[in-house]
Amino acid sequence: MRIVVPARLINLAAVALTTAGLLLGGSSGAAHAVGKIVARVSLSQQTMKVLVDGRETHSWKVSTAGKGYVTPTGSFKPTRLHEMWYSKKYDNAPMPHSVFFHGGYAVHATNHVRRLGRPASHGCVRLHPEAAADFYELVETFCPPPASSS
C-alpha cells in the first residue's frame, strides 16, 4: 500500500511491536502491533495533531520554517531522540525533547512560545515545552528509535 501525503503535511509515525506474540504463541509466529502513534503537522495551519491508535489525543500549535527556510514534508519515522540537544548548525541553540525525523530536522521544544502558530523556525517543528515533553514521552514509549552515539 502506498500512502500519499499532501505537499504541505508531515506524517511522523511510530509503531510499537510486542515480542510476546513471537515468543509465547500464536500459530502465525509473527509479532503484532499493539500501538501506533502518528503525528500530522500541517504547514498551512501551523498545527500538529497526534493520533494514538487512530484517535486524536493531542492538537498543538507549532512553528515550522520561516521565510527563507524549509521544513521537509512527507512521511517519516523517528530516527533518534535526545532529551536535550544543542544545534551544531545554529550556535548551540538548545533543542529540548528532540525527536529527529529527517537528518538534522526535529520536533522539539522552544522558548519562543509567542511565535507558535506561525512560521518562525529554521526548518524544525517547534512546540510548547510541555507539548514537546509529552510528544517525546509518547514516541519514547511507543517506539524508541535506536540509541544514538551522538
N, C-alpha and C. Protein backbone atom coordinates (compact mmCIF):
# COMPACT_ATOMS: atom_id res chain seq x y z
N MET A 1 0.83 -1.17 0.00
CA MET A 1 0.00 0.00 0.00
C MET A 1 0.89 1.24 0.00
N ARG A 2 0.55 2.21 -0.81
CA ARG A 2 1.30 3.45 -0.89
C ARG A 2 0.48 4.56 -0.25
N ILE A 3 1.11 5.33 0.62
CA ILE A 3 0.43 6.43 1.27
C ILE A 3 0.83 7.72 0.57
N VAL A 4 -0.16 8.49 0.15
CA VAL A 4 0.10 9.77 -0.49
C VAL A 4 -0.12 10.85 0.55
N VAL A 5 0.88 11.68 0.75
CA VAL A 5 0.82 12.73 1.75
C VAL A 5 0.72 14.07 1.03
N PRO A 6 -0.28 14.90 1.38
CA PRO A 6 -0.37 16.22 0.75
C PRO A 6 0.94 16.99 0.91
N ALA A 7 1.25 17.84 -0.03
CA ALA A 7 2.54 18.53 -0.08
C ALA A 7 2.82 19.39 1.14
N ARG A 8 1.81 19.83 1.85
CA ARG A 8 2.03 20.72 2.97
C ARG A 8 1.79 20.03 4.30
N LEU A 9 2.09 18.73 4.35
CA LEU A 9 1.83 17.95 5.54
C LEU A 9 3.02 17.06 5.85
N ILE A 10 3.26 16.84 7.12
CA ILE A 10 4.29 15.92 7.57
C ILE A 10 3.60 14.85 8.40
N ASN A 11 3.88 13.60 8.12
CA ASN A 11 3.42 12.49 8.94
C ASN A 11 4.63 11.89 9.62
N LEU A 12 4.58 11.76 10.91
CA LEU A 12 5.65 11.13 11.67
C LEU A 12 5.01 9.98 12.42
N ALA A 13 5.37 8.74 12.08
CA ALA A 13 4.69 7.58 12.65
C ALA A 13 5.66 6.66 13.37
N ALA A 14 5.17 6.09 14.44
CA ALA A 14 5.93 5.10 15.20
C ALA A 14 4.97 3.99 15.58
N VAL A 15 5.42 2.77 15.46
CA VAL A 15 4.60 1.62 15.82
C VAL A 15 5.34 0.82 16.88
N ALA A 16 4.63 0.53 17.95
CA ALA A 16 5.21 -0.31 18.99
C ALA A 16 4.89 -1.76 18.66
N LEU A 17 5.89 -2.59 18.68
CA LEU A 17 5.67 -4.02 18.43
C LEU A 17 5.91 -4.79 19.71
N THR A 18 5.16 -5.82 19.88
CA THR A 18 5.37 -6.68 21.05
C THR A 18 6.04 -7.97 20.59
N THR A 19 6.96 -8.44 21.38
CA THR A 19 7.59 -9.70 21.04
C THR A 19 6.86 -10.86 21.71
N ALA A 20 5.87 -10.55 22.56
CA ALA A 20 5.15 -11.62 23.24
C ALA A 20 4.51 -12.58 22.25
N GLY A 21 3.92 -12.06 21.20
CA GLY A 21 3.31 -12.91 20.19
C GLY A 21 4.34 -13.80 19.53
N LEU A 22 5.53 -13.30 19.39
CA LEU A 22 6.60 -14.05 18.75
C LEU A 22 7.12 -15.15 19.68
N LEU A 23 7.20 -14.85 20.96
CA LEU A 23 7.81 -15.79 21.90
C LEU A 23 6.82 -16.76 22.53
N LEU A 24 5.59 -16.31 22.77
CA LEU A 24 4.69 -17.11 23.58
C LEU A 24 3.64 -17.89 22.83
N GLY A 25 3.39 -17.59 21.62
CA GLY A 25 2.35 -18.39 21.00
C GLY A 25 1.81 -17.75 19.75
N GLY A 26 0.61 -18.20 19.42
CA GLY A 26 0.03 -17.76 18.17
C GLY A 26 0.57 -18.63 17.06
N SER A 27 -0.30 -19.15 16.26
CA SER A 27 0.15 -20.08 15.23
C SER A 27 0.96 -19.41 14.14
N SER A 28 0.76 -18.10 13.94
CA SER A 28 1.49 -17.44 12.86
C SER A 28 2.94 -17.19 13.23
N GLY A 29 3.22 -17.04 14.52
CA GLY A 29 4.59 -16.77 14.95
C GLY A 29 5.05 -15.36 14.65
N ALA A 30 4.14 -14.49 14.26
CA ALA A 30 4.52 -13.12 13.92
C ALA A 30 4.15 -12.17 15.05
N ALA A 31 4.99 -11.18 15.26
CA ALA A 31 4.67 -10.14 16.24
C ALA A 31 3.55 -9.29 15.68
N HIS A 32 2.76 -8.71 16.55
CA HIS A 32 1.67 -7.86 16.08
C HIS A 32 1.78 -6.47 16.71
N ALA A 33 1.22 -5.49 16.03
CA ALA A 33 1.27 -4.12 16.52
C ALA A 33 0.31 -3.97 17.68
N VAL A 34 0.78 -3.38 18.78
CA VAL A 34 -0.07 -3.13 19.92
C VAL A 34 -0.37 -1.65 20.06
N GLY A 35 0.28 -0.82 19.34
CA GLY A 35 0.02 0.60 19.42
C GLY A 35 0.69 1.35 18.30
N LYS A 36 0.02 2.40 17.84
CA LYS A 36 0.59 3.20 16.77
C LYS A 36 0.36 4.66 17.09
N ILE A 37 1.38 5.46 16.91
CA ILE A 37 1.28 6.90 17.10
C ILE A 37 1.61 7.56 15.76
N VAL A 38 0.79 8.52 15.37
CA VAL A 38 1.03 9.29 14.15
C VAL A 38 0.91 10.76 14.52
N ALA A 39 1.89 11.54 14.14
CA ALA A 39 1.83 12.99 14.32
C ALA A 39 1.67 13.61 12.94
N ARG A 40 0.66 14.43 12.77
CA ARG A 40 0.42 15.11 11.49
C ARG A 40 0.64 16.59 11.69
N VAL A 41 1.63 17.09 10.98
CA VAL A 41 1.96 18.51 11.07
C VAL A 41 1.44 19.20 9.81
N SER A 42 0.61 20.20 10.00
CA SER A 42 0.09 20.98 8.89
C SER A 42 0.90 22.27 8.78
N LEU A 43 1.62 22.42 7.68
CA LEU A 43 2.40 23.64 7.48
C LEU A 43 1.49 24.84 7.25
N SER A 44 0.37 24.64 6.57
CA SER A 44 -0.53 25.76 6.29
C SER A 44 -1.28 26.21 7.53
N GLN A 45 -1.63 25.28 8.42
CA GLN A 45 -2.36 25.64 9.64
C GLN A 45 -1.45 25.83 10.85
N GLN A 46 -0.17 25.44 10.71
CA GLN A 46 0.79 25.53 11.81
C GLN A 46 0.28 24.81 13.06
N THR A 47 -0.16 23.56 12.83
CA THR A 47 -0.63 22.71 13.93
C THR A 47 -0.04 21.32 13.81
N MET A 48 -0.04 20.61 14.91
CA MET A 48 0.36 19.21 14.94
C MET A 48 -0.72 18.46 15.70
N LYS A 49 -1.28 17.46 15.05
CA LYS A 49 -2.27 16.59 15.68
C LYS A 49 -1.62 15.24 15.91
N VAL A 50 -1.80 14.69 17.09
CA VAL A 50 -1.24 13.39 17.43
C VAL A 50 -2.39 12.40 17.57
N LEU A 51 -2.26 11.30 16.84
CA LEU A 51 -3.25 10.23 16.90
C LEU A 51 -2.59 9.00 17.49
N VAL A 52 -3.26 8.39 18.45
CA VAL A 52 -2.80 7.14 19.04
C VAL A 52 -3.86 6.10 18.69
N ASP A 53 -3.42 5.06 18.00
CA ASP A 53 -4.33 4.01 17.54
C ASP A 53 -5.52 4.60 16.78
N GLY A 54 -5.25 5.63 15.97
CA GLY A 54 -6.27 6.23 15.12
C GLY A 54 -7.14 7.29 15.79
N ARG A 55 -6.98 7.50 17.08
CA ARG A 55 -7.78 8.50 17.80
C ARG A 55 -6.92 9.71 18.12
N GLU A 56 -7.46 10.90 17.82
CA GLU A 56 -6.71 12.12 18.12
C GLU A 56 -6.62 12.29 19.63
N THR A 57 -5.38 12.43 20.12
CA THR A 57 -5.16 12.61 21.55
C THR A 57 -4.62 13.99 21.89
N HIS A 58 -3.98 14.64 20.93
CA HIS A 58 -3.42 15.97 21.17
C HIS A 58 -3.53 16.81 19.91
N SER A 59 -3.65 18.12 20.09
CA SER A 59 -3.59 19.07 18.99
C SER A 59 -2.87 20.30 19.52
N TRP A 60 -1.75 20.63 18.89
CA TRP A 60 -0.92 21.72 19.38
C TRP A 60 -0.57 22.69 18.26
N LYS A 61 -0.34 23.95 18.64
CA LYS A 61 0.22 24.93 17.71
C LYS A 61 1.70 24.63 17.56
N VAL A 62 2.23 24.85 16.36
CA VAL A 62 3.65 24.67 16.10
C VAL A 62 4.19 25.87 15.35
N SER A 63 5.48 25.93 15.23
CA SER A 63 6.15 26.84 14.30
C SER A 63 7.05 25.99 13.43
N THR A 64 6.88 26.14 12.13
CA THR A 64 7.74 25.46 11.17
C THR A 64 8.58 26.52 10.47
N ALA A 65 9.18 26.17 9.35
CA ALA A 65 10.15 27.03 8.68
C ALA A 65 9.61 28.42 8.35
N GLY A 66 10.39 29.40 8.76
CA GLY A 66 10.09 30.79 8.41
C GLY A 66 10.62 31.09 7.01
N LYS A 67 10.44 32.31 6.59
CA LYS A 67 10.85 32.75 5.26
C LYS A 67 12.34 32.45 5.03
N GLY A 68 12.62 31.84 3.90
CA GLY A 68 14.00 31.51 3.54
C GLY A 68 14.46 30.14 4.03
N TYR A 69 13.61 29.44 4.76
CA TYR A 69 13.94 28.12 5.29
C TYR A 69 12.89 27.11 4.83
N VAL A 70 13.19 25.83 5.00
CA VAL A 70 12.28 24.77 4.55
C VAL A 70 12.11 23.74 5.66
N THR A 71 10.87 23.33 5.85
CA THR A 71 10.57 22.16 6.67
C THR A 71 10.23 21.04 5.71
N PRO A 72 10.93 19.91 5.79
CA PRO A 72 10.65 18.82 4.84
C PRO A 72 9.24 18.27 5.04
N THR A 73 8.62 17.88 3.94
CA THR A 73 7.29 17.28 4.00
C THR A 73 7.38 15.83 3.56
N GLY A 74 6.43 15.05 3.97
CA GLY A 74 6.40 13.64 3.61
C GLY A 74 6.09 12.81 4.82
N SER A 75 6.35 11.52 4.73
CA SER A 75 6.13 10.59 5.84
C SER A 75 7.47 10.12 6.36
N PHE A 76 7.65 10.16 7.66
CA PHE A 76 8.92 9.82 8.29
C PHE A 76 8.68 8.97 9.53
N LYS A 77 9.72 8.30 9.95
CA LYS A 77 9.74 7.61 11.23
C LYS A 77 10.79 8.31 12.09
N PRO A 78 10.60 8.32 13.40
CA PRO A 78 11.63 8.91 14.26
C PRO A 78 12.95 8.18 14.08
N THR A 79 14.04 8.94 13.99
CA THR A 79 15.34 8.33 13.80
C THR A 79 16.18 8.35 15.07
N ARG A 80 15.95 9.36 15.93
CA ARG A 80 16.67 9.39 17.20
C ARG A 80 15.98 10.37 18.13
N LEU A 81 16.20 10.17 19.41
CA LEU A 81 15.63 11.01 20.47
C LEU A 81 16.75 11.56 21.33
N HIS A 82 16.59 12.80 21.75
CA HIS A 82 17.53 13.40 22.70
C HIS A 82 16.73 14.25 23.68
N GLU A 83 16.86 13.93 24.96
CA GLU A 83 16.16 14.72 25.96
C GLU A 83 16.62 16.18 25.88
N MET A 84 17.91 16.38 25.61
CA MET A 84 18.43 17.73 25.37
C MET A 84 19.46 17.63 24.25
N TRP A 85 19.30 18.46 23.24
CA TRP A 85 20.22 18.52 22.11
C TRP A 85 20.57 19.98 21.88
N TYR A 86 21.79 20.21 21.45
CA TYR A 86 22.22 21.57 21.11
C TYR A 86 22.58 21.59 19.63
N SER A 87 22.00 22.52 18.91
CA SER A 87 22.21 22.61 17.47
C SER A 87 23.65 22.93 17.13
N LYS A 88 24.26 22.06 16.36
CA LYS A 88 25.63 22.32 15.91
C LYS A 88 25.63 23.38 14.81
N LYS A 89 24.51 23.51 14.12
CA LYS A 89 24.41 24.43 12.99
C LYS A 89 24.06 25.86 13.42
N TYR A 90 23.29 26.00 14.51
CA TYR A 90 22.80 27.31 14.92
C TYR A 90 23.28 27.68 16.32
N ASP A 91 24.58 27.88 16.46
CA ASP A 91 25.20 28.43 17.67
C ASP A 91 24.81 27.72 18.96
N ASN A 92 24.78 26.40 18.91
CA ASN A 92 24.44 25.61 20.10
C ASN A 92 23.08 25.95 20.69
N ALA A 93 22.14 26.35 19.83
CA ALA A 93 20.78 26.65 20.30
C ALA A 93 20.20 25.39 20.95
N PRO A 94 19.57 25.56 22.12
CA PRO A 94 19.00 24.39 22.80
C PRO A 94 17.78 23.86 22.06
N MET A 95 17.67 22.52 22.02
CA MET A 95 16.54 21.84 21.39
C MET A 95 16.04 20.76 22.36
N PRO A 96 15.35 21.18 23.43
CA PRO A 96 14.88 20.20 24.41
C PRO A 96 13.85 19.24 23.81
N HIS A 97 13.87 18.01 24.30
CA HIS A 97 12.91 16.97 23.90
C HIS A 97 12.85 16.83 22.38
N SER A 98 14.01 16.60 21.78
CA SER A 98 14.11 16.48 20.32
C SER A 98 13.76 15.08 19.84
N VAL A 99 12.86 15.04 18.86
CA VAL A 99 12.52 13.82 18.15
C VAL A 99 12.93 14.06 16.70
N PHE A 100 14.10 13.53 16.33
CA PHE A 100 14.61 13.74 14.98
C PHE A 100 13.88 12.82 14.01
N PHE A 101 13.55 13.37 12.83
CA PHE A 101 12.79 12.59 11.86
C PHE A 101 13.37 12.61 10.46
N HIS A 102 14.31 13.51 10.17
CA HIS A 102 14.87 13.61 8.82
C HIS A 102 16.18 14.38 8.92
N GLY A 103 17.30 13.65 8.91
CA GLY A 103 18.60 14.33 9.03
C GLY A 103 18.65 15.16 10.30
N GLY A 104 18.93 16.46 10.15
CA GLY A 104 19.01 17.35 11.30
C GLY A 104 17.69 17.99 11.69
N TYR A 105 16.59 17.57 11.08
CA TYR A 105 15.28 18.14 11.40
C TYR A 105 14.63 17.37 12.53
N ALA A 106 14.02 18.12 13.45
CA ALA A 106 13.41 17.50 14.62
C ALA A 106 12.14 18.25 15.03
N VAL A 107 11.33 17.54 15.77
CA VAL A 107 10.26 18.17 16.54
C VAL A 107 10.87 18.41 17.91
N HIS A 108 10.82 19.66 18.40
CA HIS A 108 11.43 19.95 19.70
C HIS A 108 10.79 21.16 20.36
N ALA A 109 11.11 21.34 21.63
CA ALA A 109 10.57 22.45 22.41
C ALA A 109 11.23 23.77 22.02
N THR A 110 10.49 24.85 22.28
CA THR A 110 11.03 26.19 22.06
C THR A 110 10.63 27.08 23.23
N ASN A 111 11.45 28.08 23.49
CA ASN A 111 11.09 29.11 24.47
C ASN A 111 10.34 30.26 23.81
N HIS A 112 10.29 30.25 22.48
CA HIS A 112 9.60 31.31 21.73
C HIS A 112 8.13 30.95 21.56
N VAL A 113 7.43 30.76 22.68
CA VAL A 113 6.07 30.27 22.62
C VAL A 113 5.10 31.27 22.00
N ARG A 114 5.41 32.55 22.06
CA ARG A 114 4.52 33.55 21.45
C ARG A 114 4.52 33.45 19.93
N ARG A 115 5.53 32.80 19.35
CA ARG A 115 5.59 32.66 17.89
C ARG A 115 4.92 31.37 17.40
N LEU A 116 4.48 30.53 18.32
CA LEU A 116 3.78 29.31 17.91
C LEU A 116 2.50 29.67 17.18
N GLY A 117 2.21 28.90 16.14
CA GLY A 117 1.05 29.19 15.32
C GLY A 117 1.39 29.94 14.04
N ARG A 118 2.70 30.30 13.91
CA ARG A 118 3.16 30.94 12.66
C ARG A 118 4.57 30.45 12.34
N PRO A 119 4.92 30.47 11.06
CA PRO A 119 6.27 30.03 10.66
C PRO A 119 7.34 30.90 11.34
N ALA A 120 8.34 30.24 11.93
CA ALA A 120 9.38 31.00 12.62
C ALA A 120 10.69 30.25 12.77
N SER A 121 10.73 28.97 12.41
CA SER A 121 11.93 28.18 12.69
C SER A 121 12.89 28.16 11.50
N HIS A 122 14.01 27.49 11.70
CA HIS A 122 14.97 27.27 10.61
C HIS A 122 14.65 25.97 9.87
N GLY A 123 13.51 25.37 10.17
CA GLY A 123 13.09 24.15 9.48
C GLY A 123 12.54 23.09 10.41
N CYS A 124 12.94 23.12 11.66
CA CYS A 124 12.41 22.16 12.63
C CYS A 124 10.96 22.50 12.95
N VAL A 125 10.31 21.57 13.62
CA VAL A 125 8.94 21.78 14.09
C VAL A 125 9.04 22.12 15.58
N ARG A 126 8.71 23.35 15.91
CA ARG A 126 8.81 23.80 17.31
C ARG A 126 7.48 23.62 18.02
N LEU A 127 7.56 23.21 19.28
CA LEU A 127 6.39 23.01 20.13
C LEU A 127 6.57 23.73 21.46
N HIS A 128 5.46 23.99 22.14
CA HIS A 128 5.49 24.48 23.51
C HIS A 128 6.27 23.46 24.33
N PRO A 129 7.06 23.88 25.31
CA PRO A 129 7.86 22.92 26.09
C PRO A 129 7.06 21.78 26.71
N GLU A 130 5.86 22.05 27.23
CA GLU A 130 5.06 20.97 27.81
C GLU A 130 4.59 19.99 26.74
N ALA A 131 4.20 20.51 25.59
CA ALA A 131 3.76 19.65 24.48
C ALA A 131 4.92 18.81 23.97
N ALA A 132 6.09 19.42 23.86
CA ALA A 132 7.27 18.70 23.37
C ALA A 132 7.64 17.56 24.33
N ALA A 133 7.54 17.81 25.63
CA ALA A 133 7.83 16.77 26.61
C ALA A 133 6.82 15.62 26.49
N ASP A 134 5.54 15.96 26.29
CA ASP A 134 4.52 14.93 26.12
C ASP A 134 4.76 14.12 24.85
N PHE A 135 5.08 14.82 23.75
CA PHE A 135 5.31 14.13 22.48
C PHE A 135 6.54 13.22 22.58
N TYR A 136 7.60 13.73 23.17
CA TYR A 136 8.83 12.96 23.37
C TYR A 136 8.51 11.67 24.13
N GLU A 137 7.74 11.80 25.20
CA GLU A 137 7.40 10.64 26.02
C GLU A 137 6.56 9.63 25.23
N LEU A 138 5.63 10.12 24.42
CA LEU A 138 4.82 9.23 23.58
C LEU A 138 5.69 8.43 22.62
N VAL A 139 6.60 9.14 21.93
CA VAL A 139 7.46 8.45 20.96
C VAL A 139 8.38 7.48 21.68
N GLU A 140 8.94 7.90 22.80
CA GLU A 140 9.83 7.03 23.56
C GLU A 140 9.09 5.77 24.03
N THR A 141 7.84 5.92 24.42
CA THR A 141 7.04 4.80 24.89
C THR A 141 6.62 3.88 23.75
N PHE A 142 6.14 4.46 22.66
CA PHE A 142 5.60 3.65 21.57
C PHE A 142 6.67 3.02 20.70
N CYS A 143 7.72 3.73 20.43
CA CYS A 143 8.71 3.17 19.52
C CYS A 143 10.01 3.95 19.60
N PRO A 144 10.80 3.71 20.60
CA PRO A 144 12.06 4.45 20.66
C PRO A 144 12.97 4.07 19.50
N PRO A 145 13.54 5.08 18.82
CA PRO A 145 14.50 4.77 17.77
C PRO A 145 15.75 4.15 18.36
N PRO A 146 16.60 3.56 17.54
CA PRO A 146 17.85 3.01 18.06
C PRO A 146 18.66 4.07 18.79
N ALA A 147 19.37 3.68 19.82
CA ALA A 147 20.17 4.63 20.58
C ALA A 147 21.20 5.29 19.67
N SER A 148 21.40 6.57 19.89
CA SER A 148 22.36 7.33 19.08
C SER A 148 23.65 7.47 19.84
N SER A 149 24.74 7.43 19.12
CA SER A 149 26.05 7.58 19.75
C SER A 149 26.44 9.04 19.84
N SER A 150 25.62 9.94 19.30
CA SER A 150 25.94 11.37 19.32
C SER A 150 25.64 11.98 20.65
